[in-house]
N, C-alpha and C. Protein backbone atom coordinates (compact mmCIF):
# COMPACT_ATOMS: atom_id res chain seq x y z
N UNK A 1 -25.55 -19.88 14.63
CA UNK A 1 -24.60 -18.76 14.68
C UNK A 1 -23.40 -19.14 15.53
N UNK A 2 -22.21 -18.97 14.96
CA UNK A 2 -20.99 -19.23 15.71
C UNK A 2 -20.38 -17.89 16.12
N UNK A 3 -20.30 -17.64 17.42
CA UNK A 3 -19.77 -16.37 17.90
C UNK A 3 -18.25 -16.44 18.01
N UNK A 4 -17.61 -16.46 16.84
CA UNK A 4 -16.16 -16.53 16.73
C UNK A 4 -15.72 -15.37 15.84
N UNK A 5 -14.65 -14.63 16.20
CA UNK A 5 -14.22 -13.50 15.37
C UNK A 5 -13.86 -13.93 13.95
N UNK A 6 -14.27 -13.12 12.98
CA UNK A 6 -13.95 -13.30 11.56
C UNK A 6 -14.12 -14.76 11.12
N UNK A 7 -15.32 -15.25 11.26
CA UNK A 7 -15.60 -16.65 10.92
C UNK A 7 -15.40 -16.89 9.43
N UNK A 8 -14.51 -17.83 9.06
CA UNK A 8 -14.34 -18.16 7.64
C UNK A 8 -15.35 -19.21 7.21
N UNK A 9 -15.43 -19.41 5.90
CA UNK A 9 -16.16 -20.56 5.40
C UNK A 9 -15.36 -21.81 5.75
N UNK A 10 -16.02 -22.82 6.32
CA UNK A 10 -15.32 -24.03 6.72
C UNK A 10 -15.60 -25.15 5.72
N UNK A 11 -14.54 -25.85 5.35
CA UNK A 11 -14.71 -27.05 4.54
C UNK A 11 -15.36 -28.14 5.40
N UNK A 12 -15.97 -29.10 4.74
CA UNK A 12 -16.63 -30.18 5.46
C UNK A 12 -15.64 -30.94 6.34
N UNK A 13 -14.41 -31.10 5.86
CA UNK A 13 -13.40 -31.81 6.64
C UNK A 13 -13.07 -31.07 7.93
N UNK A 14 -13.11 -29.73 7.89
CA UNK A 14 -12.86 -28.94 9.10
C UNK A 14 -13.99 -29.12 10.11
N UNK A 15 -15.22 -29.14 9.62
CA UNK A 15 -16.37 -29.32 10.50
C UNK A 15 -16.32 -30.70 11.15
N UNK A 16 -15.95 -31.71 10.37
CA UNK A 16 -15.84 -33.06 10.93
C UNK A 16 -14.72 -33.14 11.96
N UNK A 17 -13.62 -32.44 11.70
CA UNK A 17 -12.50 -32.46 12.64
C UNK A 17 -12.89 -31.85 13.98
N UNK A 18 -13.76 -30.86 13.97
CA UNK A 18 -14.21 -30.23 15.21
C UNK A 18 -15.02 -31.18 16.08
N UNK A 19 -15.55 -32.23 15.48
CA UNK A 19 -16.36 -33.20 16.22
C UNK A 19 -15.52 -34.31 16.83
N UNK A 20 -14.22 -34.32 16.52
CA UNK A 20 -13.34 -35.34 17.07
C UNK A 20 -13.03 -35.05 18.54
N UNK A 21 -12.72 -36.06 19.34
CA UNK A 21 -12.36 -35.84 20.75
C UNK A 21 -11.12 -34.96 20.86
N UNK A 22 -11.07 -34.14 21.89
CA UNK A 22 -9.90 -33.30 22.16
C UNK A 22 -8.74 -34.18 22.61
N UNK A 23 -7.55 -33.88 22.07
CA UNK A 23 -6.37 -34.67 22.45
C UNK A 23 -5.36 -33.78 23.15
N UNK A 24 -4.54 -34.38 23.99
CA UNK A 24 -3.53 -33.64 24.75
C UNK A 24 -2.40 -33.20 23.84
N UNK A 25 -1.88 -31.99 24.10
CA UNK A 25 -0.74 -31.50 23.33
C UNK A 25 0.53 -32.25 23.68
N UNK A 26 0.49 -33.08 24.70
CA UNK A 26 1.65 -33.89 25.07
C UNK A 26 1.59 -35.31 24.49
N UNK A 27 0.54 -35.60 23.75
CA UNK A 27 0.33 -36.96 23.27
C UNK A 27 1.01 -37.22 21.93
N UNK A 28 1.22 -38.49 21.64
CA UNK A 28 1.77 -38.88 20.33
C UNK A 28 0.82 -38.50 19.21
N UNK A 29 -0.50 -38.58 19.48
CA UNK A 29 -1.48 -38.21 18.46
C UNK A 29 -1.35 -36.74 18.07
N UNK A 30 -1.11 -35.90 19.07
CA UNK A 30 -0.93 -34.47 18.80
C UNK A 30 0.33 -34.24 17.97
N UNK A 31 1.42 -34.89 18.35
CA UNK A 31 2.67 -34.75 17.60
C UNK A 31 2.50 -35.18 16.15
N UNK A 32 1.78 -36.26 15.95
CA UNK A 32 1.55 -36.75 14.60
C UNK A 32 0.70 -35.75 13.80
N UNK A 33 -0.36 -35.22 14.45
CA UNK A 33 -1.23 -34.26 13.79
C UNK A 33 -0.46 -32.98 13.45
N UNK A 34 0.35 -32.51 14.40
CA UNK A 34 1.14 -31.28 14.18
C UNK A 34 2.08 -31.46 12.99
N UNK A 35 2.75 -32.60 12.93
CA UNK A 35 3.69 -32.85 11.83
C UNK A 35 2.97 -32.97 10.50
N UNK A 36 1.75 -33.54 10.51
CA UNK A 36 0.96 -33.61 9.28
C UNK A 36 0.61 -32.21 8.78
N UNK A 37 0.18 -31.35 9.72
CA UNK A 37 -0.16 -29.97 9.35
C UNK A 37 1.06 -29.24 8.81
N UNK A 38 2.19 -29.38 9.51
CA UNK A 38 3.42 -28.73 9.07
C UNK A 38 3.80 -29.18 7.66
N UNK A 39 3.75 -30.47 7.40
CA UNK A 39 4.12 -30.99 6.09
C UNK A 39 3.16 -30.54 5.00
N UNK A 40 1.87 -30.42 5.35
CA UNK A 40 0.90 -29.91 4.38
C UNK A 40 1.18 -28.45 4.04
N UNK A 41 1.59 -27.67 5.03
CA UNK A 41 1.92 -26.27 4.79
C UNK A 41 3.20 -26.15 3.95
N UNK A 42 4.14 -27.04 4.16
CA UNK A 42 5.35 -27.04 3.33
C UNK A 42 4.98 -27.33 1.88
N UNK A 43 4.10 -28.29 1.67
CA UNK A 43 3.65 -28.60 0.31
C UNK A 43 2.90 -27.42 -0.29
N UNK A 44 2.10 -26.73 0.55
CA UNK A 44 1.37 -25.56 0.08
C UNK A 44 2.31 -24.50 -0.48
N UNK A 45 3.51 -24.42 0.11
CA UNK A 45 4.51 -23.43 -0.32
C UNK A 45 5.43 -23.98 -1.41
N UNK A 46 5.05 -25.09 -2.00
CA UNK A 46 5.85 -25.72 -3.06
C UNK A 46 7.24 -26.12 -2.56
N UNK A 47 7.34 -26.39 -1.25
CA UNK A 47 8.59 -26.79 -0.60
C UNK A 47 9.64 -25.68 -0.57
N UNK A 48 9.23 -24.43 -0.79
CA UNK A 48 10.16 -23.30 -0.78
C UNK A 48 10.29 -22.66 0.60
N UNK A 49 9.31 -22.89 1.49
CA UNK A 49 9.25 -22.19 2.78
C UNK A 49 9.08 -23.18 3.93
N UNK A 50 9.54 -22.74 5.10
CA UNK A 50 9.33 -23.51 6.32
C UNK A 50 8.27 -22.79 7.15
N UNK A 51 7.22 -23.51 7.60
CA UNK A 51 6.16 -22.87 8.37
C UNK A 51 6.45 -22.86 9.87
N UNK A 52 6.17 -21.73 10.50
CA UNK A 52 6.21 -21.59 11.96
C UNK A 52 4.77 -21.49 12.43
N UNK A 53 4.39 -22.35 13.37
CA UNK A 53 2.99 -22.48 13.79
C UNK A 53 2.88 -22.17 15.28
N UNK A 54 2.11 -21.14 15.63
CA UNK A 54 1.93 -20.78 17.04
C UNK A 54 0.47 -20.38 17.26
N UNK A 55 0.06 -20.38 18.52
CA UNK A 55 -1.28 -19.94 18.86
C UNK A 55 -1.36 -18.42 18.74
N UNK A 56 -2.37 -17.91 18.04
CA UNK A 56 -2.52 -16.48 17.89
C UNK A 56 -3.38 -16.10 16.69
N UNK A 57 -3.36 -14.81 16.36
CA UNK A 57 -4.17 -14.25 15.29
C UNK A 57 -3.29 -13.84 14.11
N UNK A 58 -3.92 -13.31 13.07
CA UNK A 58 -3.17 -12.77 11.96
C UNK A 58 -2.32 -11.58 12.38
N UNK A 59 -2.88 -10.73 13.25
CA UNK A 59 -2.13 -9.58 13.76
C UNK A 59 -0.90 -10.04 14.54
N UNK A 60 -1.08 -11.10 15.33
CA UNK A 60 0.05 -11.63 16.09
C UNK A 60 1.10 -12.23 15.16
N UNK A 61 0.66 -12.82 14.06
CA UNK A 61 1.62 -13.35 13.08
C UNK A 61 2.51 -12.23 12.55
N UNK A 62 1.93 -11.05 12.34
CA UNK A 62 2.74 -9.91 11.90
C UNK A 62 3.69 -9.45 12.98
N UNK A 63 3.25 -9.50 14.23
CA UNK A 63 4.16 -9.16 15.33
C UNK A 63 5.36 -10.12 15.34
N UNK A 64 5.09 -11.39 15.15
CA UNK A 64 6.18 -12.38 15.10
C UNK A 64 7.11 -12.11 13.93
N UNK A 65 6.53 -11.77 12.78
CA UNK A 65 7.33 -11.49 11.59
C UNK A 65 8.26 -10.30 11.83
N UNK A 66 7.71 -9.25 12.43
CA UNK A 66 8.49 -8.03 12.63
C UNK A 66 9.55 -8.21 13.71
N UNK A 67 9.13 -8.70 14.89
CA UNK A 67 10.05 -8.73 16.03
C UNK A 67 11.11 -9.81 15.91
N UNK A 68 10.88 -10.79 15.05
CA UNK A 68 11.88 -11.83 14.88
C UNK A 68 12.74 -11.67 13.62
N UNK A 69 12.29 -10.82 12.67
CA UNK A 69 13.03 -10.74 11.41
C UNK A 69 13.37 -9.33 10.96
N UNK A 70 12.78 -8.30 11.58
CA UNK A 70 13.11 -6.93 11.18
C UNK A 70 14.57 -6.60 11.44
N UNK A 71 15.18 -7.30 12.40
CA UNK A 71 16.60 -7.05 12.70
C UNK A 71 17.52 -7.49 11.57
N UNK A 72 16.99 -8.27 10.61
CA UNK A 72 17.81 -8.69 9.48
C UNK A 72 18.08 -7.54 8.53
N UNK A 73 17.22 -6.50 8.59
CA UNK A 73 17.30 -5.41 7.61
C UNK A 73 18.31 -4.36 8.00
N UNK A 74 18.95 -3.79 7.00
CA UNK A 74 19.73 -2.57 7.19
C UNK A 74 18.77 -1.38 7.27
N UNK A 75 17.80 -1.35 6.34
CA UNK A 75 16.77 -0.31 6.31
C UNK A 75 15.51 -0.91 5.71
N UNK A 76 14.35 -0.62 6.31
CA UNK A 76 13.07 -1.16 5.86
C UNK A 76 12.25 -0.06 5.19
N UNK A 77 11.66 -0.39 4.06
CA UNK A 77 10.68 0.47 3.40
C UNK A 77 9.30 -0.17 3.60
N UNK A 78 8.38 0.59 4.21
CA UNK A 78 7.03 0.09 4.46
C UNK A 78 6.06 0.75 3.51
N UNK A 79 5.28 -0.05 2.79
CA UNK A 79 4.28 0.45 1.84
C UNK A 79 2.89 0.27 2.45
N UNK A 80 2.06 1.32 2.38
CA UNK A 80 0.73 1.22 2.95
C UNK A 80 -0.30 1.92 2.07
N UNK A 81 -1.46 1.30 1.94
CA UNK A 81 -2.58 1.92 1.22
C UNK A 81 -3.93 1.48 1.79
N UNK A 82 -3.93 1.20 3.10
CA UNK A 82 -5.18 0.81 3.75
C UNK A 82 -4.97 0.51 5.23
N UNK A 83 -5.99 0.03 5.88
CA UNK A 83 -5.98 -0.19 7.33
C UNK A 83 -4.89 -1.17 7.75
N UNK A 84 -4.76 -2.26 7.02
CA UNK A 84 -3.80 -3.28 7.44
C UNK A 84 -2.36 -2.86 7.14
N UNK A 85 -2.18 -2.06 6.10
CA UNK A 85 -0.87 -1.47 5.86
C UNK A 85 -0.49 -0.50 6.97
N UNK A 86 -1.47 0.28 7.43
CA UNK A 86 -1.23 1.19 8.55
C UNK A 86 -0.88 0.41 9.82
N UNK A 87 -1.59 -0.68 10.03
CA UNK A 87 -1.30 -1.51 11.21
C UNK A 87 0.10 -2.11 11.12
N UNK A 88 0.48 -2.58 9.94
CA UNK A 88 1.82 -3.12 9.73
C UNK A 88 2.87 -2.05 9.99
N UNK A 89 2.60 -0.83 9.51
CA UNK A 89 3.51 0.29 9.74
C UNK A 89 3.67 0.56 11.23
N UNK A 90 2.56 0.66 11.94
CA UNK A 90 2.62 0.96 13.38
C UNK A 90 3.35 -0.13 14.16
N UNK A 91 3.12 -1.38 13.77
CA UNK A 91 3.81 -2.48 14.43
C UNK A 91 5.32 -2.41 14.16
N UNK A 92 5.67 -2.14 12.92
CA UNK A 92 7.08 -2.15 12.52
C UNK A 92 7.85 -1.00 13.17
N UNK A 93 7.23 0.18 13.27
CA UNK A 93 7.92 1.34 13.83
C UNK A 93 8.28 1.14 15.29
N UNK A 94 7.54 0.29 15.99
CA UNK A 94 7.87 0.03 17.40
C UNK A 94 9.19 -0.73 17.53
N UNK A 95 9.52 -1.49 16.51
CA UNK A 95 10.77 -2.25 16.52
C UNK A 95 11.87 -1.54 15.75
N UNK A 96 11.49 -0.98 14.59
CA UNK A 96 12.46 -0.30 13.73
C UNK A 96 11.95 1.11 13.44
N UNK A 97 12.22 2.01 14.37
CA UNK A 97 11.77 3.40 14.24
C UNK A 97 12.43 4.10 13.07
N UNK A 98 13.51 3.52 12.56
CA UNK A 98 14.23 4.13 11.44
C UNK A 98 13.64 3.75 10.08
N UNK A 99 12.53 3.01 10.08
CA UNK A 99 11.93 2.57 8.82
C UNK A 99 11.42 3.75 8.00
N UNK A 100 11.45 3.61 6.69
CA UNK A 100 10.95 4.62 5.77
C UNK A 100 9.52 4.24 5.36
N UNK A 101 8.61 5.22 5.35
CA UNK A 101 7.19 4.96 5.07
C UNK A 101 6.80 5.58 3.74
N UNK A 102 6.07 4.81 2.92
CA UNK A 102 5.43 5.36 1.74
C UNK A 102 3.94 5.08 1.85
N UNK A 103 3.15 6.13 2.09
CA UNK A 103 1.69 6.01 2.25
C UNK A 103 1.04 6.53 0.97
N UNK A 104 0.38 5.63 0.24
CA UNK A 104 -0.21 5.99 -1.05
C UNK A 104 -1.65 6.46 -0.94
N UNK A 105 -2.20 6.43 0.29
CA UNK A 105 -3.58 6.85 0.48
C UNK A 105 -4.53 5.67 0.46
N UNK A 106 -5.63 5.85 1.16
CA UNK A 106 -6.61 4.77 1.34
C UNK A 106 -7.14 4.27 0.00
N UNK A 107 -6.91 2.98 -0.28
CA UNK A 107 -7.46 2.35 -1.48
C UNK A 107 -6.77 2.74 -2.77
N UNK A 108 -5.64 3.43 -2.68
CA UNK A 108 -4.90 3.82 -3.88
C UNK A 108 -3.84 2.77 -4.21
N UNK A 109 -3.65 2.45 -5.48
CA UNK A 109 -2.63 1.44 -5.84
C UNK A 109 -1.23 1.95 -5.57
N UNK A 110 -0.32 1.02 -5.37
CA UNK A 110 1.08 1.38 -5.21
C UNK A 110 1.57 2.09 -6.49
N UNK A 111 2.33 3.16 -6.30
CA UNK A 111 2.95 3.86 -7.42
C UNK A 111 4.37 3.30 -7.58
N UNK A 112 4.54 2.41 -8.54
CA UNK A 112 5.81 1.70 -8.65
C UNK A 112 6.93 2.59 -9.18
N UNK A 113 6.58 3.64 -9.92
CA UNK A 113 7.61 4.59 -10.32
C UNK A 113 8.17 5.32 -9.11
N UNK A 114 7.28 5.70 -8.19
CA UNK A 114 7.73 6.37 -6.97
C UNK A 114 8.54 5.43 -6.08
N UNK A 115 8.11 4.18 -6.02
CA UNK A 115 8.86 3.19 -5.23
C UNK A 115 10.25 3.02 -5.81
N UNK A 116 10.33 2.95 -7.14
CA UNK A 116 11.65 2.80 -7.79
C UNK A 116 12.54 3.99 -7.48
N UNK A 117 11.99 5.21 -7.53
CA UNK A 117 12.78 6.41 -7.23
C UNK A 117 13.27 6.38 -5.78
N UNK A 118 12.39 5.92 -4.88
CA UNK A 118 12.78 5.83 -3.46
C UNK A 118 13.91 4.83 -3.27
N UNK A 119 13.83 3.70 -3.95
CA UNK A 119 14.89 2.70 -3.84
C UNK A 119 16.19 3.20 -4.46
N UNK A 120 16.07 3.95 -5.56
CA UNK A 120 17.26 4.53 -6.19
C UNK A 120 17.95 5.54 -5.28
N UNK A 121 17.14 6.30 -4.55
CA UNK A 121 17.67 7.34 -3.70
C UNK A 121 18.06 6.89 -2.31
N UNK A 122 17.77 5.65 -1.98
CA UNK A 122 18.08 5.10 -0.65
C UNK A 122 18.66 3.70 -0.84
N UNK A 123 19.91 3.64 -1.22
CA UNK A 123 20.50 2.33 -1.53
C UNK A 123 20.77 1.48 -0.29
N UNK A 124 20.46 2.03 0.90
CA UNK A 124 20.59 1.23 2.12
C UNK A 124 19.33 0.43 2.42
N UNK A 125 18.24 0.68 1.68
CA UNK A 125 17.01 -0.11 1.85
C UNK A 125 17.26 -1.51 1.31
N UNK A 126 17.06 -2.52 2.16
CA UNK A 126 17.24 -3.90 1.69
C UNK A 126 16.03 -4.79 1.98
N UNK A 127 14.99 -4.23 2.61
CA UNK A 127 13.75 -4.98 2.84
C UNK A 127 12.55 -4.07 2.56
N UNK A 128 11.50 -4.65 1.98
CA UNK A 128 10.20 -3.99 1.83
C UNK A 128 9.16 -4.80 2.59
N UNK A 129 8.38 -4.10 3.42
CA UNK A 129 7.25 -4.71 4.14
C UNK A 129 5.96 -4.16 3.54
N UNK A 130 5.02 -5.04 3.21
CA UNK A 130 3.78 -4.61 2.57
C UNK A 130 2.68 -5.64 2.81
N UNK A 131 1.46 -5.25 2.45
CA UNK A 131 0.30 -6.13 2.54
C UNK A 131 -0.03 -6.63 1.13
N UNK A 132 -0.23 -7.92 0.99
CA UNK A 132 -0.55 -8.48 -0.32
C UNK A 132 -1.99 -8.16 -0.73
N UNK A 133 -2.93 -8.43 0.17
CA UNK A 133 -4.34 -8.17 -0.10
C UNK A 133 -4.87 -7.22 0.97
N UNK A 134 -5.13 -5.97 0.59
CA UNK A 134 -5.60 -4.96 1.53
C UNK A 134 -7.13 -5.01 1.56
N UNK A 135 -7.65 -5.92 2.39
CA UNK A 135 -9.10 -6.18 2.41
C UNK A 135 -9.90 -5.02 2.99
N UNK A 136 -9.26 -4.10 3.71
CA UNK A 136 -9.99 -2.97 4.29
C UNK A 136 -10.60 -2.09 3.21
N UNK A 137 -9.98 -2.09 2.02
CA UNK A 137 -10.50 -1.26 0.93
C UNK A 137 -10.61 -2.03 -0.38
N UNK A 138 -10.46 -3.34 -0.32
CA UNK A 138 -10.62 -4.16 -1.51
C UNK A 138 -9.51 -4.01 -2.53
N UNK A 139 -8.30 -3.69 -2.06
CA UNK A 139 -7.18 -3.46 -2.96
C UNK A 139 -6.24 -4.67 -2.99
N UNK A 140 -6.11 -5.28 -4.16
CA UNK A 140 -5.15 -6.37 -4.34
C UNK A 140 -3.86 -5.76 -4.87
N UNK A 141 -2.85 -5.71 -4.05
CA UNK A 141 -1.59 -5.10 -4.45
C UNK A 141 -0.79 -6.03 -5.36
N UNK A 142 -0.11 -5.46 -6.32
CA UNK A 142 0.63 -6.25 -7.31
C UNK A 142 1.96 -6.70 -6.74
N UNK A 143 1.97 -7.91 -6.22
CA UNK A 143 3.23 -8.48 -5.73
C UNK A 143 4.15 -8.80 -6.89
N UNK A 144 3.56 -9.07 -8.05
CA UNK A 144 4.35 -9.36 -9.24
C UNK A 144 5.25 -8.17 -9.59
N UNK A 145 4.67 -6.97 -9.64
CA UNK A 145 5.45 -5.76 -9.95
C UNK A 145 6.43 -5.45 -8.82
N UNK A 146 5.98 -5.66 -7.59
CA UNK A 146 6.85 -5.40 -6.44
C UNK A 146 8.06 -6.33 -6.46
N UNK A 147 7.82 -7.58 -6.82
CA UNK A 147 8.91 -8.55 -6.90
C UNK A 147 9.91 -8.18 -7.99
N UNK A 148 9.40 -7.67 -9.12
CA UNK A 148 10.29 -7.26 -10.20
C UNK A 148 11.20 -6.12 -9.76
N UNK A 149 10.62 -5.14 -9.03
CA UNK A 149 11.43 -4.04 -8.51
C UNK A 149 12.45 -4.55 -7.50
N UNK A 150 12.00 -5.45 -6.63
CA UNK A 150 12.89 -5.98 -5.59
C UNK A 150 14.06 -6.72 -6.22
N UNK A 151 13.80 -7.46 -7.30
CA UNK A 151 14.89 -8.16 -7.99
C UNK A 151 15.88 -7.16 -8.58
N UNK A 152 15.35 -6.10 -9.17
CA UNK A 152 16.20 -5.09 -9.79
C UNK A 152 17.13 -4.42 -8.78
N UNK A 153 16.57 -4.12 -7.59
CA UNK A 153 17.34 -3.39 -6.58
C UNK A 153 17.92 -4.30 -5.50
N UNK A 154 17.78 -5.62 -5.71
CA UNK A 154 18.32 -6.61 -4.76
C UNK A 154 17.78 -6.39 -3.35
N UNK A 155 16.45 -6.30 -3.28
CA UNK A 155 15.73 -6.07 -2.03
C UNK A 155 14.87 -7.28 -1.71
N UNK A 156 14.75 -7.62 -0.45
CA UNK A 156 13.90 -8.72 -0.01
C UNK A 156 12.53 -8.18 0.40
N UNK A 157 11.52 -9.06 0.38
CA UNK A 157 10.15 -8.66 0.68
C UNK A 157 9.58 -9.50 1.82
N UNK A 158 8.91 -8.83 2.76
CA UNK A 158 8.12 -9.49 3.80
C UNK A 158 6.66 -9.07 3.61
N UNK A 159 5.75 -10.03 3.57
CA UNK A 159 4.36 -9.74 3.24
C UNK A 159 3.40 -10.14 4.35
N UNK A 160 2.46 -9.24 4.65
CA UNK A 160 1.25 -9.62 5.36
C UNK A 160 0.38 -10.30 4.31
N UNK A 161 0.31 -11.63 4.37
CA UNK A 161 -0.45 -12.40 3.38
C UNK A 161 -1.62 -13.13 4.03
N UNK A 162 -2.11 -12.58 5.13
CA UNK A 162 -3.16 -13.23 5.91
C UNK A 162 -4.40 -13.52 5.07
N UNK A 163 -4.77 -12.61 4.18
CA UNK A 163 -5.98 -12.79 3.37
C UNK A 163 -5.69 -13.44 2.02
N UNK A 164 -4.44 -13.78 1.76
CA UNK A 164 -4.08 -14.34 0.45
C UNK A 164 -3.70 -15.81 0.50
N UNK A 165 -3.03 -16.24 1.58
CA UNK A 165 -2.59 -17.63 1.65
C UNK A 165 -3.81 -18.56 1.65
N UNK A 166 -3.81 -19.49 0.73
CA UNK A 166 -4.96 -20.37 0.54
C UNK A 166 -5.73 -20.01 -0.71
N UNK A 167 -5.56 -18.78 -1.20
CA UNK A 167 -6.21 -18.31 -2.43
C UNK A 167 -5.17 -18.03 -3.50
N UNK A 168 -4.12 -17.30 -3.11
CA UNK A 168 -3.07 -16.91 -4.05
C UNK A 168 -1.74 -17.49 -3.59
N UNK A 169 -1.59 -18.78 -3.75
CA UNK A 169 -0.36 -19.43 -3.28
C UNK A 169 0.81 -19.21 -4.23
N UNK A 170 0.56 -18.50 -5.34
CA UNK A 170 1.68 -18.12 -6.22
C UNK A 170 2.63 -17.16 -5.52
N UNK A 171 2.18 -16.56 -4.40
CA UNK A 171 3.07 -15.70 -3.63
C UNK A 171 4.35 -16.42 -3.23
N UNK A 172 4.24 -17.73 -3.05
CA UNK A 172 5.41 -18.52 -2.64
C UNK A 172 6.45 -18.66 -3.75
N UNK A 173 6.06 -18.33 -4.98
CA UNK A 173 6.95 -18.54 -6.12
C UNK A 173 7.82 -17.32 -6.45
N UNK A 174 7.55 -16.19 -5.79
CA UNK A 174 8.34 -14.98 -6.09
C UNK A 174 9.69 -15.05 -5.39
N UNK A 175 10.75 -14.87 -6.15
CA UNK A 175 12.11 -15.05 -5.64
C UNK A 175 12.45 -14.09 -4.51
N UNK A 176 11.92 -12.86 -4.56
CA UNK A 176 12.29 -11.86 -3.56
C UNK A 176 11.44 -11.91 -2.30
N UNK A 177 10.33 -12.64 -2.33
CA UNK A 177 9.47 -12.78 -1.14
C UNK A 177 10.11 -13.82 -0.22
N UNK A 178 10.50 -13.38 0.98
CA UNK A 178 11.23 -14.25 1.89
C UNK A 178 10.45 -14.60 3.16
N UNK A 179 9.47 -13.77 3.53
CA UNK A 179 8.67 -14.05 4.73
C UNK A 179 7.22 -13.68 4.43
N UNK A 180 6.30 -14.56 4.83
CA UNK A 180 4.87 -14.27 4.71
C UNK A 180 4.17 -14.61 6.02
N UNK A 181 3.28 -13.73 6.44
CA UNK A 181 2.45 -14.01 7.62
C UNK A 181 1.09 -14.50 7.15
N UNK A 182 0.47 -15.35 7.96
CA UNK A 182 -0.84 -15.90 7.62
C UNK A 182 -1.53 -16.34 8.91
N UNK A 183 -2.75 -16.84 8.77
CA UNK A 183 -3.47 -17.36 9.93
C UNK A 183 -4.33 -18.54 9.50
N UNK A 184 -4.81 -19.28 10.49
CA UNK A 184 -5.58 -20.49 10.20
C UNK A 184 -6.96 -20.17 9.62
N UNK A 185 -7.45 -18.95 9.85
CA UNK A 185 -8.75 -18.56 9.31
C UNK A 185 -8.61 -18.09 7.87
N UNK A 186 -9.51 -17.18 7.45
CA UNK A 186 -9.50 -16.64 6.09
C UNK A 186 -9.56 -17.77 5.06
N UNK A 187 -8.68 -17.71 4.06
CA UNK A 187 -8.78 -18.63 2.93
C UNK A 187 -8.33 -20.05 3.25
N UNK A 188 -7.64 -20.25 4.37
CA UNK A 188 -7.27 -21.62 4.75
C UNK A 188 -8.47 -22.36 5.34
N UNK A 189 -9.55 -21.62 5.60
CA UNK A 189 -10.84 -22.20 5.94
C UNK A 189 -10.81 -23.10 7.17
N UNK A 190 -10.05 -22.68 8.19
CA UNK A 190 -10.08 -23.35 9.49
C UNK A 190 -10.50 -22.31 10.52
N UNK A 191 -10.76 -22.76 11.73
CA UNK A 191 -11.13 -21.81 12.78
C UNK A 191 -9.97 -20.87 13.08
N UNK A 192 -10.24 -19.59 13.33
CA UNK A 192 -9.17 -18.67 13.74
C UNK A 192 -8.52 -19.14 15.03
N UNK A 193 -7.27 -18.73 15.24
CA UNK A 193 -6.60 -19.07 16.49
C UNK A 193 -5.18 -19.55 16.32
N UNK A 194 -4.73 -19.71 15.06
CA UNK A 194 -3.36 -20.14 14.80
C UNK A 194 -2.66 -19.09 13.95
N UNK A 195 -1.53 -18.59 14.45
CA UNK A 195 -0.68 -17.67 13.68
C UNK A 195 0.33 -18.49 12.89
N UNK A 196 0.57 -18.07 11.66
CA UNK A 196 1.50 -18.78 10.79
C UNK A 196 2.53 -17.82 10.21
N UNK A 197 3.76 -18.25 10.18
CA UNK A 197 4.81 -17.56 9.45
C UNK A 197 5.43 -18.55 8.47
N UNK A 198 5.63 -18.10 7.23
CA UNK A 198 6.34 -18.90 6.25
C UNK A 198 7.68 -18.21 5.98
N UNK A 199 8.77 -18.92 6.25
CA UNK A 199 10.11 -18.36 6.11
C UNK A 199 10.83 -19.10 4.98
N UNK A 200 11.35 -18.35 4.02
CA UNK A 200 12.02 -18.96 2.87
C UNK A 200 13.21 -19.80 3.31
N UNK A 201 13.35 -20.95 2.69
CA UNK A 201 14.43 -21.86 3.05
C UNK A 201 15.81 -21.25 2.82
N UNK A 202 15.91 -20.32 1.87
CA UNK A 202 17.22 -19.75 1.54
C UNK A 202 17.49 -18.43 2.27
N UNK A 203 16.62 -18.05 3.22
CA UNK A 203 16.84 -16.81 3.96
C UNK A 203 17.93 -17.02 5.00
N UNK A 204 18.95 -16.19 4.94
CA UNK A 204 20.03 -16.27 5.91
C UNK A 204 19.62 -15.56 7.19
N UNK A 205 19.70 -16.25 8.31
CA UNK A 205 19.29 -15.72 9.61
C UNK A 205 20.53 -15.38 10.42
N UNK A 206 20.50 -14.21 11.05
CA UNK A 206 21.58 -13.84 11.95
C UNK A 206 21.02 -13.64 13.35
N UNK A 207 21.87 -13.71 14.33
CA UNK A 207 21.43 -13.55 15.72
C UNK A 207 20.98 -12.12 15.98
N UNK A 208 20.11 -11.97 17.02
CA UNK A 208 19.63 -10.65 17.37
C UNK A 208 20.79 -9.76 17.80
N UNK A 209 20.82 -8.56 17.24
CA UNK A 209 21.82 -7.60 17.65
C UNK A 209 21.22 -6.20 17.82
N UNK A 210 19.88 -6.13 17.76
CA UNK A 210 19.23 -4.83 17.90
C UNK A 210 18.04 -4.92 18.83
N UNK A 211 16.81 -4.84 18.27
CA UNK A 211 15.62 -4.75 19.12
C UNK A 211 15.43 -6.01 19.96
N UNK A 212 15.06 -5.81 21.21
CA UNK A 212 14.77 -6.93 22.10
C UNK A 212 13.32 -7.34 21.91
N UNK A 213 13.09 -8.55 21.46
CA UNK A 213 11.76 -8.97 21.06
C UNK A 213 10.94 -9.51 22.23
N UNK A 214 9.72 -8.97 22.43
CA UNK A 214 8.81 -9.58 23.39
C UNK A 214 8.12 -10.79 22.79
N UNK A 215 8.35 -11.04 21.49
CA UNK A 215 7.68 -12.13 20.78
C UNK A 215 8.70 -13.07 20.17
N UNK A 216 9.86 -13.21 20.78
CA UNK A 216 10.93 -13.99 20.16
C UNK A 216 10.55 -15.45 20.06
N UNK A 217 10.77 -16.03 18.89
CA UNK A 217 10.44 -17.44 18.65
C UNK A 217 11.49 -18.36 19.26
């Protein structure tokens, strides 16, 4: 029994890596290993995204996503239909209290007609924050339909993809998806403890001019 939170299934290569001697984070070996991991994550994203790698959890990855990139939005629309959507909402409201919320109810699918009406009636919305895989209730949200709407209304998407990266890497192929959060556990089949952000190469970044981030990268 391994007393580690949310233990994923580990590949044999991960188990073997755990048996290797610990190396210093100041060593050349560590730098080489870090760059190998970074390059593998870039390949995982089909070379469309740049990975940010820090110590932390999936929840912390969402904090990094919100506090470092929510300032890019004019107005954020948050979609929720489960526990992790609610958590994303609560995290986002601390930084962007002006965000608009659409709560579809626990385990209920996104109503894309309602989302379209909301986007039509609020032309200042330019970002959507949502969860790709809502594991709290077993709901796989349709990023395909969400991406189609986002393209129509020229809206960007930020996704909590913690439970999807490693299983559904097609998320990287959607044109409107610009930021994804992930972690070393779950489908990437490594020990928990690493927060990951994937930022689209074509995302234009501007300097902070609003919320002061306690999690600034």
